[in-house]
């Protein structure tokens, strides 16, 4: 049961981190594009505290999403599961 929960948390944190990275990259690219068109544009500022704070709910969502599958897997017999796979 713990293994499924841990896997879900890792996947949700990876998704959140890659989404934040992609969003940051796109925001930087758009800002650089506008900076060439208008020299007095707003600089890109990354709120690292808020970005890191966003990872906490992402981990909690991973734990919550794993509850039902983890309970289902915990009820199964291990040898039967391995034989059917």
PDB file of N, CA and C in Angstrom:
ATOM      1  N   UNK A   1       0.821  -1.183   0.000  1.00  0.00           N
ATOM      2  CA  UNK A   1       0.000   0.000   0.000  1.00  0.00           C
ATOM      3  C   UNK A   1       0.875   1.261   0.000  1.00  0.00           C
ATOM      4  N   UNK A   2       1.933   1.240   0.801  1.00  0.00           N
ATOM      5  CA  UNK A   2       2.832   2.409   0.852  1.00  0.00           C
ATOM      6  C   UNK A   2       3.533   2.628  -0.481  1.00  0.00           C
ATOM      7  N   UNK A   3       3.863   1.533  -1.159  1.00  0.00           N
ATOM      8  CA  UNK A   3       4.585   1.655  -2.424  1.00  0.00           C
ATOM      9  C   UNK A   3       3.721   2.351  -3.482  1.00  0.00           C
ATOM     10  N   UNK A   4       2.447   2.029  -3.513  1.00  0.00           N
ATOM     11  CA  UNK A   4       1.556   2.669  -4.481  1.00  0.00           C
ATOM     12  C   UNK A   4       1.378   4.140  -4.141  1.00  0.00           C
ATOM     13  N   UNK A   5       1.258   4.457  -2.855  1.00  0.00           N
ATOM     14  CA  UNK A   5       1.140   5.853  -2.451  1.00  0.00           C
ATOM     15  C   UNK A   5       2.404   6.629  -2.785  1.00  0.00           C
ATOM     16  N   UNK A   6       3.557   6.030  -2.525  1.00  0.00           N
ATOM     17  CA  UNK A   6       4.823   6.702  -2.833  1.00  0.00           C
ATOM     18  C   UNK A   6       4.964   6.930  -4.335  1.00  0.00           C
ATOM     19  N   UNK A   7       4.578   5.948  -5.115  1.00  0.00           N
ATOM     20  CA  UNK A   7       4.651   6.096  -6.566  1.00  0.00           C
ATOM     21  C   UNK A   7       3.729   7.226  -7.036  1.00  0.00           C
ATOM     22  N   UNK A   8       2.548   7.304  -6.470  1.00  0.00           N
ATOM     23  CA  UNK A   8       1.615   8.362  -6.846  1.00  0.00           C
ATOM     24  C   UNK A   8       2.147   9.738  -6.465  1.00  0.00           C
ATOM     25  N   UNK A   9       2.761   9.848  -5.300  1.00  0.00           N
ATOM     26  CA  UNK A   9       3.331  11.125  -4.871  1.00  0.00           C
ATOM     27  C   UNK A   9       4.477  11.529  -5.786  1.00  0.00           C
ATOM     28  N   UNK A  10       5.336  10.587  -6.131  1.00  0.00           N
ATOM     29  CA  UNK A  10       6.467  10.895  -7.014  1.00  0.00           C
ATOM     30  C   UNK A  10       5.966  11.350  -8.382  1.00  0.00           C
ATOM     31  N   UNK A  11       4.959  10.674  -8.905  1.00  0.00           N
ATOM     32  CA  UNK A  11       4.425  11.053 -10.213  1.00  0.00           C
ATOM     33  C   UNK A  11       3.777  12.431 -10.164  1.00  0.00           C
ATOM     34  N   UNK A  12       3.029  12.715  -9.093  1.00  0.00           N
ATOM     35  CA  UNK A  12       2.387  14.030  -9.010  1.00  0.00           C
ATOM     36  C   UNK A  12       3.414  15.140  -8.808  1.00  0.00           C
ATOM     37  N   UNK A  13       4.452  14.889  -8.024  1.00  0.00           N
ATOM     38  CA  UNK A  13       5.499  15.895  -7.842  1.00  0.00           C
ATOM     39  C   UNK A  13       6.290  16.110  -9.130  1.00  0.00           C
ATOM     40  N   UNK A  14       6.546  15.030  -9.849  1.00  0.00           N
ATOM     41  CA  UNK A  14       7.244  15.158 -11.130  1.00  0.00           C
ATOM     42  C   UNK A  14       6.404  15.959 -12.122  1.00  0.00           C
ATOM     43  N   UNK A  15       5.104  15.682 -12.153  1.00  0.00           N
ATOM     44  CA  UNK A  15       4.217  16.426 -13.040  1.00  0.00           C
ATOM     45  C   UNK A  15       4.143  17.894 -12.665  1.00  0.00           C
ATOM     46  N   UNK A  16       4.070  18.174 -11.371  1.00  0.00           N
ATOM     47  CA  UNK A  16       4.010  19.566 -10.922  1.00  0.00           C
ATOM     48  C   UNK A  16       5.313  20.295 -11.243  1.00  0.00           C
ATOM     49  N   UNK A  17       6.435  19.640 -10.988  1.00  0.00           N
ATOM     50  CA  UNK A  17       7.732  20.276 -11.247  1.00  0.00           C
ATOM     51  C   UNK A  17       7.951  20.505 -12.737  1.00  0.00           C
ATOM     52  N   UNK A  18       7.591  19.530 -13.561  1.00  0.00           N
ATOM     53  CA  UNK A  18       7.777  19.724 -15.005  1.00  0.00           C
ATOM     54  C   UNK A  18       6.797  20.762 -15.538  1.00  0.00           C
ATOM     55  N   UNK A  19       5.588  20.832 -14.990  1.00  0.00           N
ATOM     56  CA  UNK A  19       4.637  21.867 -15.394  1.00  0.00           C
ATOM     57  C   UNK A  19       5.112  23.257 -15.002  1.00  0.00           C
ATOM     58  N   UNK A  20       5.671  23.370 -13.801  1.00  0.00           N
ATOM     59  CA  UNK A  20       6.197  24.670 -13.388  1.00  0.00           C
ATOM     60  C   UNK A  20       7.403  25.053 -14.234  1.00  0.00           C
ATOM     61  N   UNK A  21       8.233  24.093 -14.563  1.00  0.00           N
ATOM     62  CA  UNK A  21       9.390  24.386 -15.415  1.00  0.00           C
ATOM     63  C   UNK A  21       8.975  24.815 -16.809  1.00  0.00           C
ATOM     64  N   UNK A  22       8.014  24.110 -17.380  1.00  0.00           N
ATOM     65  CA  UNK A  22       7.536  24.470 -18.715  1.00  0.00           C
ATOM     66  C   UNK A  22       6.832  25.827 -18.695  1.00  0.00           C
ATOM     67  N   UNK A  23       6.038  26.075 -17.670  1.00  0.00           N
ATOM     68  CA  UNK A  23       5.367  27.371 -17.550  1.00  0.00           C
ATOM     69  C   UNK A  23       6.352  28.511 -17.388  1.00  0.00           C
ATOM     70  N   UNK A  24       7.393  28.274 -16.599  1.00  0.00           N
ATOM     71  CA  UNK A  24       8.425  29.294 -16.407  1.00  0.00           C
ATOM     72  C   UNK A  24       9.167  29.561 -17.712  1.00  0.00           C
ATOM     73  N   UNK A  25       9.479  28.507 -18.429  1.00  0.00           N
ATOM     74  CA  UNK A  25      10.173  28.656 -19.711  1.00  0.00           C
ATOM     75  C   UNK A  25       9.313  29.407 -20.720  1.00  0.00           C
ATOM     76  N   UNK A  26       8.040  29.076 -20.785  1.00  0.00           N
ATOM     77  CA  UNK A  26       7.157  29.781 -21.713  1.00  0.00           C
ATOM     78  C   UNK A  26       6.983  31.243 -21.316  1.00  0.00           C
ATOM     79  N   UNK A  27       6.843  31.514 -20.020  1.00  0.00           N
ATOM     80  CA  UNK A  27       6.715  32.907 -19.570  1.00  0.00           C
ATOM     81  C   UNK A  27       7.977  33.701 -19.888  1.00  0.00           C
ATOM     82  N   UNK A  28       9.131  33.087 -19.695  1.00  0.00           N
ATOM     83  CA  UNK A  28      10.389  33.761 -20.018  1.00  0.00           C
ATOM     84  C   UNK A  28      10.466  34.055 -21.523  1.00  0.00           C
ATOM     85  N   UNK A  29      10.067  33.061 -22.339  1.00  0.00           N
ATOM     86  CA  UNK A  29      10.121  33.246 -23.790  1.00  0.00           C
ATOM     87  C   UNK A  29       9.185  34.339 -24.279  1.00  0.00           C
ATOM     88  N   UNK A  30       7.982  34.375 -23.732  1.00  0.00           N
ATOM     89  CA  UNK A  30       7.031  35.418 -24.119  1.00  0.00           C
ATOM     90  C   UNK A  30       7.534  36.783 -23.667  1.00  0.00           C
ATOM     91  N   UNK A  31       8.086  36.835 -22.465  1.00  0.00           N
ATOM     92  CA  UNK A  31       8.594  38.104 -21.956  1.00  0.00           C
ATOM     93  C   UNK A  31       9.779  38.598 -22.794  1.00  0.00           C
ATOM     94  N   UNK A  32      10.643  37.681 -23.206  1.00  0.00           N
ATOM     95  CA  UNK A  32      11.771  38.071 -24.055  1.00  0.00           C
ATOM     96  C   UNK A  32      11.288  38.565 -25.414  1.00  0.00           C
ATOM     97  N   UNK A  33      10.239  37.933 -25.933  1.00  0.00           N
ATOM     98  CA  UNK A  33       9.683  38.358 -27.213  1.00  0.00           C
ATOM     99  C   UNK A  33       9.124  39.776 -27.110  1.00  0.00           C
ATOM    100  N   UNK A  34       8.385  40.046 -26.033  1.00  0.00           N
ATOM    101  CA  UNK A  34       7.833  41.383 -25.843  1.00  0.00           C
ATOM    102  C   UNK A  34       8.916  42.398 -25.516  1.00  0.00           C
ATOM    103  N   UNK A  35      10.005  41.962 -24.913  1.00  0.00           N
ATOM    104  CA  UNK A  35      11.088  42.886 -24.573  1.00  0.00           C
ATOM    105  C   UNK A  35      11.736  43.447 -25.842  1.00  0.00           C
ATOM    106  N   UNK A  36      11.786  42.642 -26.903  1.00  0.00           N
ATOM    107  CA  UNK A  36      12.343  43.140 -28.166  1.00  0.00           C
ATOM    108  C   UNK A  36      11.402  44.157 -28.808  1.00  0.00           C
ATOM    109  N   UNK A  37      10.097  43.943 -28.640  1.00  0.00           N
ATOM    110  CA  UNK A  37       9.129  44.846 -29.238  1.00  0.00           C
ATOM    111  C   UNK A  37       8.990  46.139 -28.428  1.00  0.00           C
ATOM    112  N   UNK A  38       9.052  46.006 -27.115  1.00  0.00           N
ATOM    113  CA  UNK A  38       8.904  47.167 -26.237  1.00  0.00           C
ATOM    114  C   UNK A  38      10.004  47.124 -25.179  1.00  0.00           C
ATOM    115  N   UNK A  39      11.015  47.950 -25.280  1.00  0.00           N
ATOM    116  CA  UNK A  39      12.169  47.881 -24.375  1.00  0.00           C
ATOM    117  C   UNK A  39      11.850  48.142 -22.909  1.00  0.00           C
ATOM    118  N   UNK A  40      10.763  48.852 -22.597  1.00  0.00           N
ATOM    119  CA  UNK A  40      10.429  49.160 -21.210  1.00  0.00           C
ATOM    120  C   UNK A  40       9.463  48.141 -20.612  1.00  0.00           C
ATOM    121  N   UNK A  41       9.536  46.883 -21.056  1.00  0.00           N
ATOM    122  CA  UNK A  41       8.602  45.870 -20.554  1.00  0.00           C
ATOM    123  C   UNK A  41       9.000  45.419 -19.145  1.00  0.00           C
ATOM    124  N   UNK A  42       8.119  44.686 -18.523  1.00  0.00           N
ATOM    125  CA  UNK A  42       8.319  44.203 -17.155  1.00  0.00           C
ATOM    126  C   UNK A  42       9.300  43.034 -17.170  1.00  0.00           C
ATOM    127  N   UNK A  43      10.279  43.025 -16.275  1.00  0.00           N
ATOM    128  CA  UNK A  43      11.230  41.907 -16.249  1.00  0.00           C
ATOM    129  C   UNK A  43      10.589  40.635 -15.682  1.00  0.00           C
ATOM    130  N   UNK A  44      11.151  39.504 -16.045  1.00  0.00           N
ATOM    131  CA  UNK A  44      10.671  38.228 -15.521  1.00  0.00           C
ATOM    132  C   UNK A  44      11.216  38.033 -14.119  1.00  0.00           C
ATOM    133  N   UNK A  45      10.316  37.862 -13.162  1.00  0.00           N
ATOM    134  CA  UNK A  45      10.706  37.612 -11.776  1.00  0.00           C
ATOM    135  C   UNK A  45      10.075  36.300 -11.348  1.00  0.00           C
ATOM    136  N   UNK A  46      10.879  35.371 -10.892  1.00  0.00           N
ATOM    137  CA  UNK A  46      10.376  34.073 -10.461  1.00  0.00           C
ATOM    138  C   UNK A  46      10.127  34.074  -8.957  1.00  0.00           C
ATOM    139  N   UNK A  47       8.896  33.802  -8.532  1.00  0.00           N
ATOM    140  CA  UNK A  47       8.603  33.720  -7.102  1.00  0.00           C
ATOM    141  C   UNK A  47       8.929  32.318  -6.584  1.00  0.00           C
ATOM    142  N   UNK A  48      10.196  32.081  -6.255  1.00  0.00           N
ATOM    143  CA  UNK A  48      10.628  30.737  -5.877  1.00  0.00           C
ATOM    144  C   UNK A  48       9.878  30.205  -4.660  1.00  0.00           C
ATOM    145  N   UNK A  49       9.564  31.069  -3.715  1.00  0.00           N
ATOM    146  CA  UNK A  49       8.816  30.630  -2.537  1.00  0.00           C
ATOM    147  C   UNK A  49       7.445  30.090  -2.901  1.00  0.00           C
ATOM    148  N   UNK A  50       6.749  30.793  -3.764  1.00  0.00           N
ATOM    149  CA  UNK A  50       5.422  30.344  -4.197  1.00  0.00           C
ATOM    150  C   UNK A  50       5.506  29.088  -5.046  1.00  0.00           C
ATOM    151  N   UNK A  51       6.532  29.003  -5.875  1.00  0.00           N
ATOM    152  CA  UNK A  51       6.699  27.804  -6.694  1.00  0.00           C
ATOM    153  C   UNK A  51       6.942  26.581  -5.821  1.00  0.00           C
ATOM    154  N   UNK A  52       7.783  26.729  -4.806  1.00  0.00           N
ATOM    155  CA  UNK A  52       8.028  25.607  -3.895  1.00  0.00           C
ATOM    156  C   UNK A  52       6.797  25.299  -3.050  1.00  0.00           C
ATOM    157  N   UNK A  53       6.059  26.322  -2.693  1.00  0.00           N
ATOM    158  CA  UNK A  53       4.840  26.128  -1.910  1.00  0.00           C
ATOM    159  C   UNK A  53       3.785  25.379  -2.723  1.00  0.00           C
ATOM    160  N   UNK A  54       3.819  25.499  -4.026  1.00  0.00           N
ATOM    161  CA  UNK A  54       2.887  24.792  -4.894  1.00  0.00           C
ATOM    162  C   UNK A  54       3.132  23.285  -4.878  1.00  0.00           C
ATOM    163  N   UNK A  55       4.351  22.864  -4.597  1.00  0.00           N
ATOM    164  CA  UNK A  55       4.657  21.435  -4.593  1.00  0.00           C
ATOM    165  C   UNK A  55       3.977  20.700  -3.443  1.00  0.00           C
ATOM    166  N   UNK A  56       3.709  21.381  -2.338  1.00  0.00           N
ATOM    167  CA  UNK A  56       3.046  20.743  -1.196  1.00  0.00           C
ATOM    168  C   UNK A  56       1.640  20.254  -1.563  1.00  0.00           C
ATOM    169  N   UNK A  57       0.766  21.097  -2.132  1.00  0.00           N
ATOM    170  CA  UNK A  57      -0.545  20.573  -2.534  1.00  0.00           C
ATOM    171  C   UNK A  57      -0.446  19.491  -3.610  1.00  0.00           C
ATOM    172  N   UNK A  58       0.561  19.574  -4.459  1.00  0.00           N
ATOM    173  CA  UNK A  58       0.727  18.540  -5.484  1.00  0.00           C
ATOM    174  C   UNK A  58       1.026  17.184  -4.843  1.00  0.00           C
ATOM    175  N   UNK A  59       1.853  17.188  -3.808  1.00  0.00           N
ATOM    176  CA  UNK A  59       2.128  15.942  -3.087  1.00  0.00           C
ATOM    177  C   UNK A  59       0.901  15.422  -2.361  1.00  0.00           C
ATOM    178  N   UNK A  60       0.122  16.323  -1.784  1.00  0.00           N
ATOM    179  CA  UNK A  60      -1.106  15.913  -1.098  1.00  0.00           C
ATOM    180  C   UNK A  60      -2.126  15.336  -2.072  1.00  0.00           C
ATOM    181  N   UNK A  61      -2.217  15.911  -3.248  1.00  0.00           N
ATOM    182  CA  UNK A  61      -3.112  15.375  -4.267  1.00  0.00           C
ATOM    183  C   UNK A  61      -2.662  13.978  -4.676  1.00  0.00           C
ATOM    184  N   UNK A  62      -1.356  13.757  -4.752  1.00  0.00           N
ATOM    185  CA  UNK A  62      -0.837  12.427  -5.074  1.00  0.00           C
ATOM    186  C   UNK A  62      -1.212  11.408  -4.019  1.00  0.00           C
ATOM    187  N   UNK A  63      -1.145  11.786  -2.761  1.00  0.00           N
ATOM    188  CA  UNK A  63      -1.538  10.874  -1.670  1.00  0.00           C
ATOM    189  C   UNK A  63      -3.031  10.582  -1.746  1.00  0.00           C
ATOM    190  N   UNK A  64      -3.823  11.607  -1.963  1.00  0.00           N
ATOM    191  CA  UNK A  64      -5.273  11.401  -2.025  1.00  0.00           C
ATOM    192  C   UNK A  64      -5.666  10.553  -3.237  1.00  0.00           C
ATOM    193  N   UNK A  65      -4.995  10.747  -4.352  1.00  0.00           N
ATOM    194  CA  UNK A  65      -5.317   9.991  -5.560  1.00  0.00           C
ATOM    195  C   UNK A  65      -4.924   8.524  -5.432  1.00  0.00           C
ATOM    196  N   UNK A  66      -4.001   8.208  -4.540  1.00  0.00           N
ATOM    197  CA  UNK A  66      -3.535   6.831  -4.402  1.00  0.00           C
ATOM    198  C   UNK A  66      -4.336   6.022  -3.393  1.00  0.00           C
ATOM    199  N   UNK A  67      -5.224   6.643  -2.659  1.00  0.00           N
ATOM    200  CA  UNK A  67      -5.923   5.933  -1.588  1.00  0.00           C
ATOM    201  C   UNK A  67      -6.722   4.740  -2.100  1.00  0.00           C
ATOM    202  N   UNK A  68      -7.586   4.948  -3.086  1.00  0.00           N
ATOM    203  CA  UNK A  68      -8.426   3.855  -3.565  1.00  0.00           C
ATOM    204  C   UNK A  68      -7.610   2.745  -4.244  1.00  0.00           C
ATOM    205  N   UNK A  69      -6.697   3.058  -5.170  1.00  0.00           N
ATOM    206  CA  UNK A  69      -5.908   1.975  -5.773  1.00  0.00           C
ATOM    207  C   UNK A  69      -5.034   1.243  -4.754  1.00  0.00           C
ATOM    208  N   UNK A  70      -4.521   1.956  -3.768  1.00  0.00           N
ATOM    209  CA  UNK A  70      -3.682   1.301  -2.764  1.00  0.00           C
ATOM    210  C   UNK A  70      -4.501   0.337  -1.919  1.00  0.00           C
ATOM    211  N   UNK A  71      -5.707   0.722  -1.563  1.00  0.00           N
ATOM    212  CA  UNK A  71      -6.564  -0.190  -0.795  1.00  0.00           C
ATOM    213  C   UNK A  71      -6.928  -1.416  -1.607  1.00  0.00           C
ATOM    214  N   UNK A  72      -7.213  -1.222  -2.886  1.00  0.00           N
ATOM    215  CA  UNK A  72      -7.542  -2.358  -3.744  1.00  0.00           C
ATOM    216  C   UNK A  72      -6.351  -3.309  -3.875  1.00  0.00           C
ATOM    217  N   UNK A  73      -5.170  -2.753  -4.021  1.00  0.00           N
ATOM    218  CA  UNK A  73      -3.974  -3.588  -4.162  1.00  0.00           C
ATOM    219  C   UNK A  73      -3.637  -4.292  -2.861  1.00  0.00           C
ATOM    220  N   UNK A  74      -3.902  -3.663  -1.727  1.00  0.00           N
ATOM    221  CA  UNK A  74      -3.594  -4.281  -0.434  1.00  0.00           C
ATOM    222  C   UNK A  74      -4.493  -5.477  -0.160  1.00  0.00           C
ATOM    223  N   UNK A  75      -5.669  -5.505  -0.744  1.00  0.00           N
ATOM    224  CA  UNK A  75      -6.597  -6.632  -0.536  1.00  0.00           C
ATOM    225  C   UNK A  75      -6.229  -7.862  -1.349  1.00  0.00           C
ATOM    226  N   UNK A  76      -5.443  -7.686  -2.401  1.00  0.00           N
ATOM    227  CA  UNK A  76      -5.102  -8.803  -3.281  1.00  0.00           C
ATOM    228  C   UNK A  76      -4.004  -9.674  -2.673  1.00  0.00           C
ATOM    229  N   UNK A  77      -4.063 -10.950  -3.018  1.00  0.00           N
ATOM    230  CA  UNK A  77      -2.990 -11.861  -2.636  1.00  0.00           C
ATOM    231  C   UNK A  77      -1.793 -11.609  -3.560  1.00  0.00           C
ATOM    232  N   UNK A  78      -0.619 -11.495  -3.002  1.00  0.00           N
ATOM    233  CA  UNK A  78       0.562 -11.133  -3.779  1.00  0.00           C
ATOM    234  C   UNK A  78       0.886 -12.189  -4.826  1.00  0.00           C
ATOM    235  N   UNK A  79       0.860 -13.447  -4.466  1.00  0.00           N
ATOM    236  CA  UNK A  79       1.224 -14.505  -5.423  1.00  0.00           C
ATOM    237  C   UNK A  79       0.222 -14.588  -6.561  1.00  0.00           C
ATOM    238  N   UNK A  80      -1.041 -14.403  -6.264  1.00  0.00           N
ATOM    239  CA  UNK A  80      -2.063 -14.413  -7.326  1.00  0.00           C
ATOM    240  C   UNK A  80      -1.854 -13.226  -8.263  1.00  0.00           C
ATOM    241  N   UNK A  81      -1.519 -12.075  -7.727  1.00  0.00           N
ATOM    242  CA  UNK A  81      -1.279 -10.893  -8.546  1.00  0.00           C
ATOM    243  C   UNK A  81      -0.087 -11.086  -9.468  1.00  0.00           C
ATOM    244  N   UNK A  82       0.975 -11.696  -8.946  1.00  0.00           N
ATOM    245  CA  UNK A  82       2.187 -11.896  -9.736  1.00  0.00           C
ATOM    246  C   UNK A  82       1.919 -12.925 -10.839  1.00  0.00           C
ATOM    247  N   UNK A  83       1.149 -13.955 -10.548  1.00  0.00           N
ATOM    248  CA  UNK A  83       0.845 -14.982 -11.552  1.00  0.00           C
ATOM    249  C   UNK A  83      -0.015 -14.435 -12.683  1.00  0.00           C
ATOM    250  N   UNK A  84      -0.937 -13.543 -12.380  1.00  0.00           N
ATOM    251  CA  UNK A  84      -1.819 -13.011 -13.408  1.00  0.00           C
ATOM    252  C   UNK A  84      -1.169 -11.941 -14.262  1.00  0.00           C
ATOM    253  N   UNK A  85      -0.063 -11.391 -13.790  1.00  0.00           N
ATOM    254  CA  UNK A  85       0.614 -10.340 -14.544  1.00  0.00           C
ATOM    255  C   UNK A  85       1.509 -10.981 -15.526  1.00  0.00           C
TER     256      UNK A  85
END
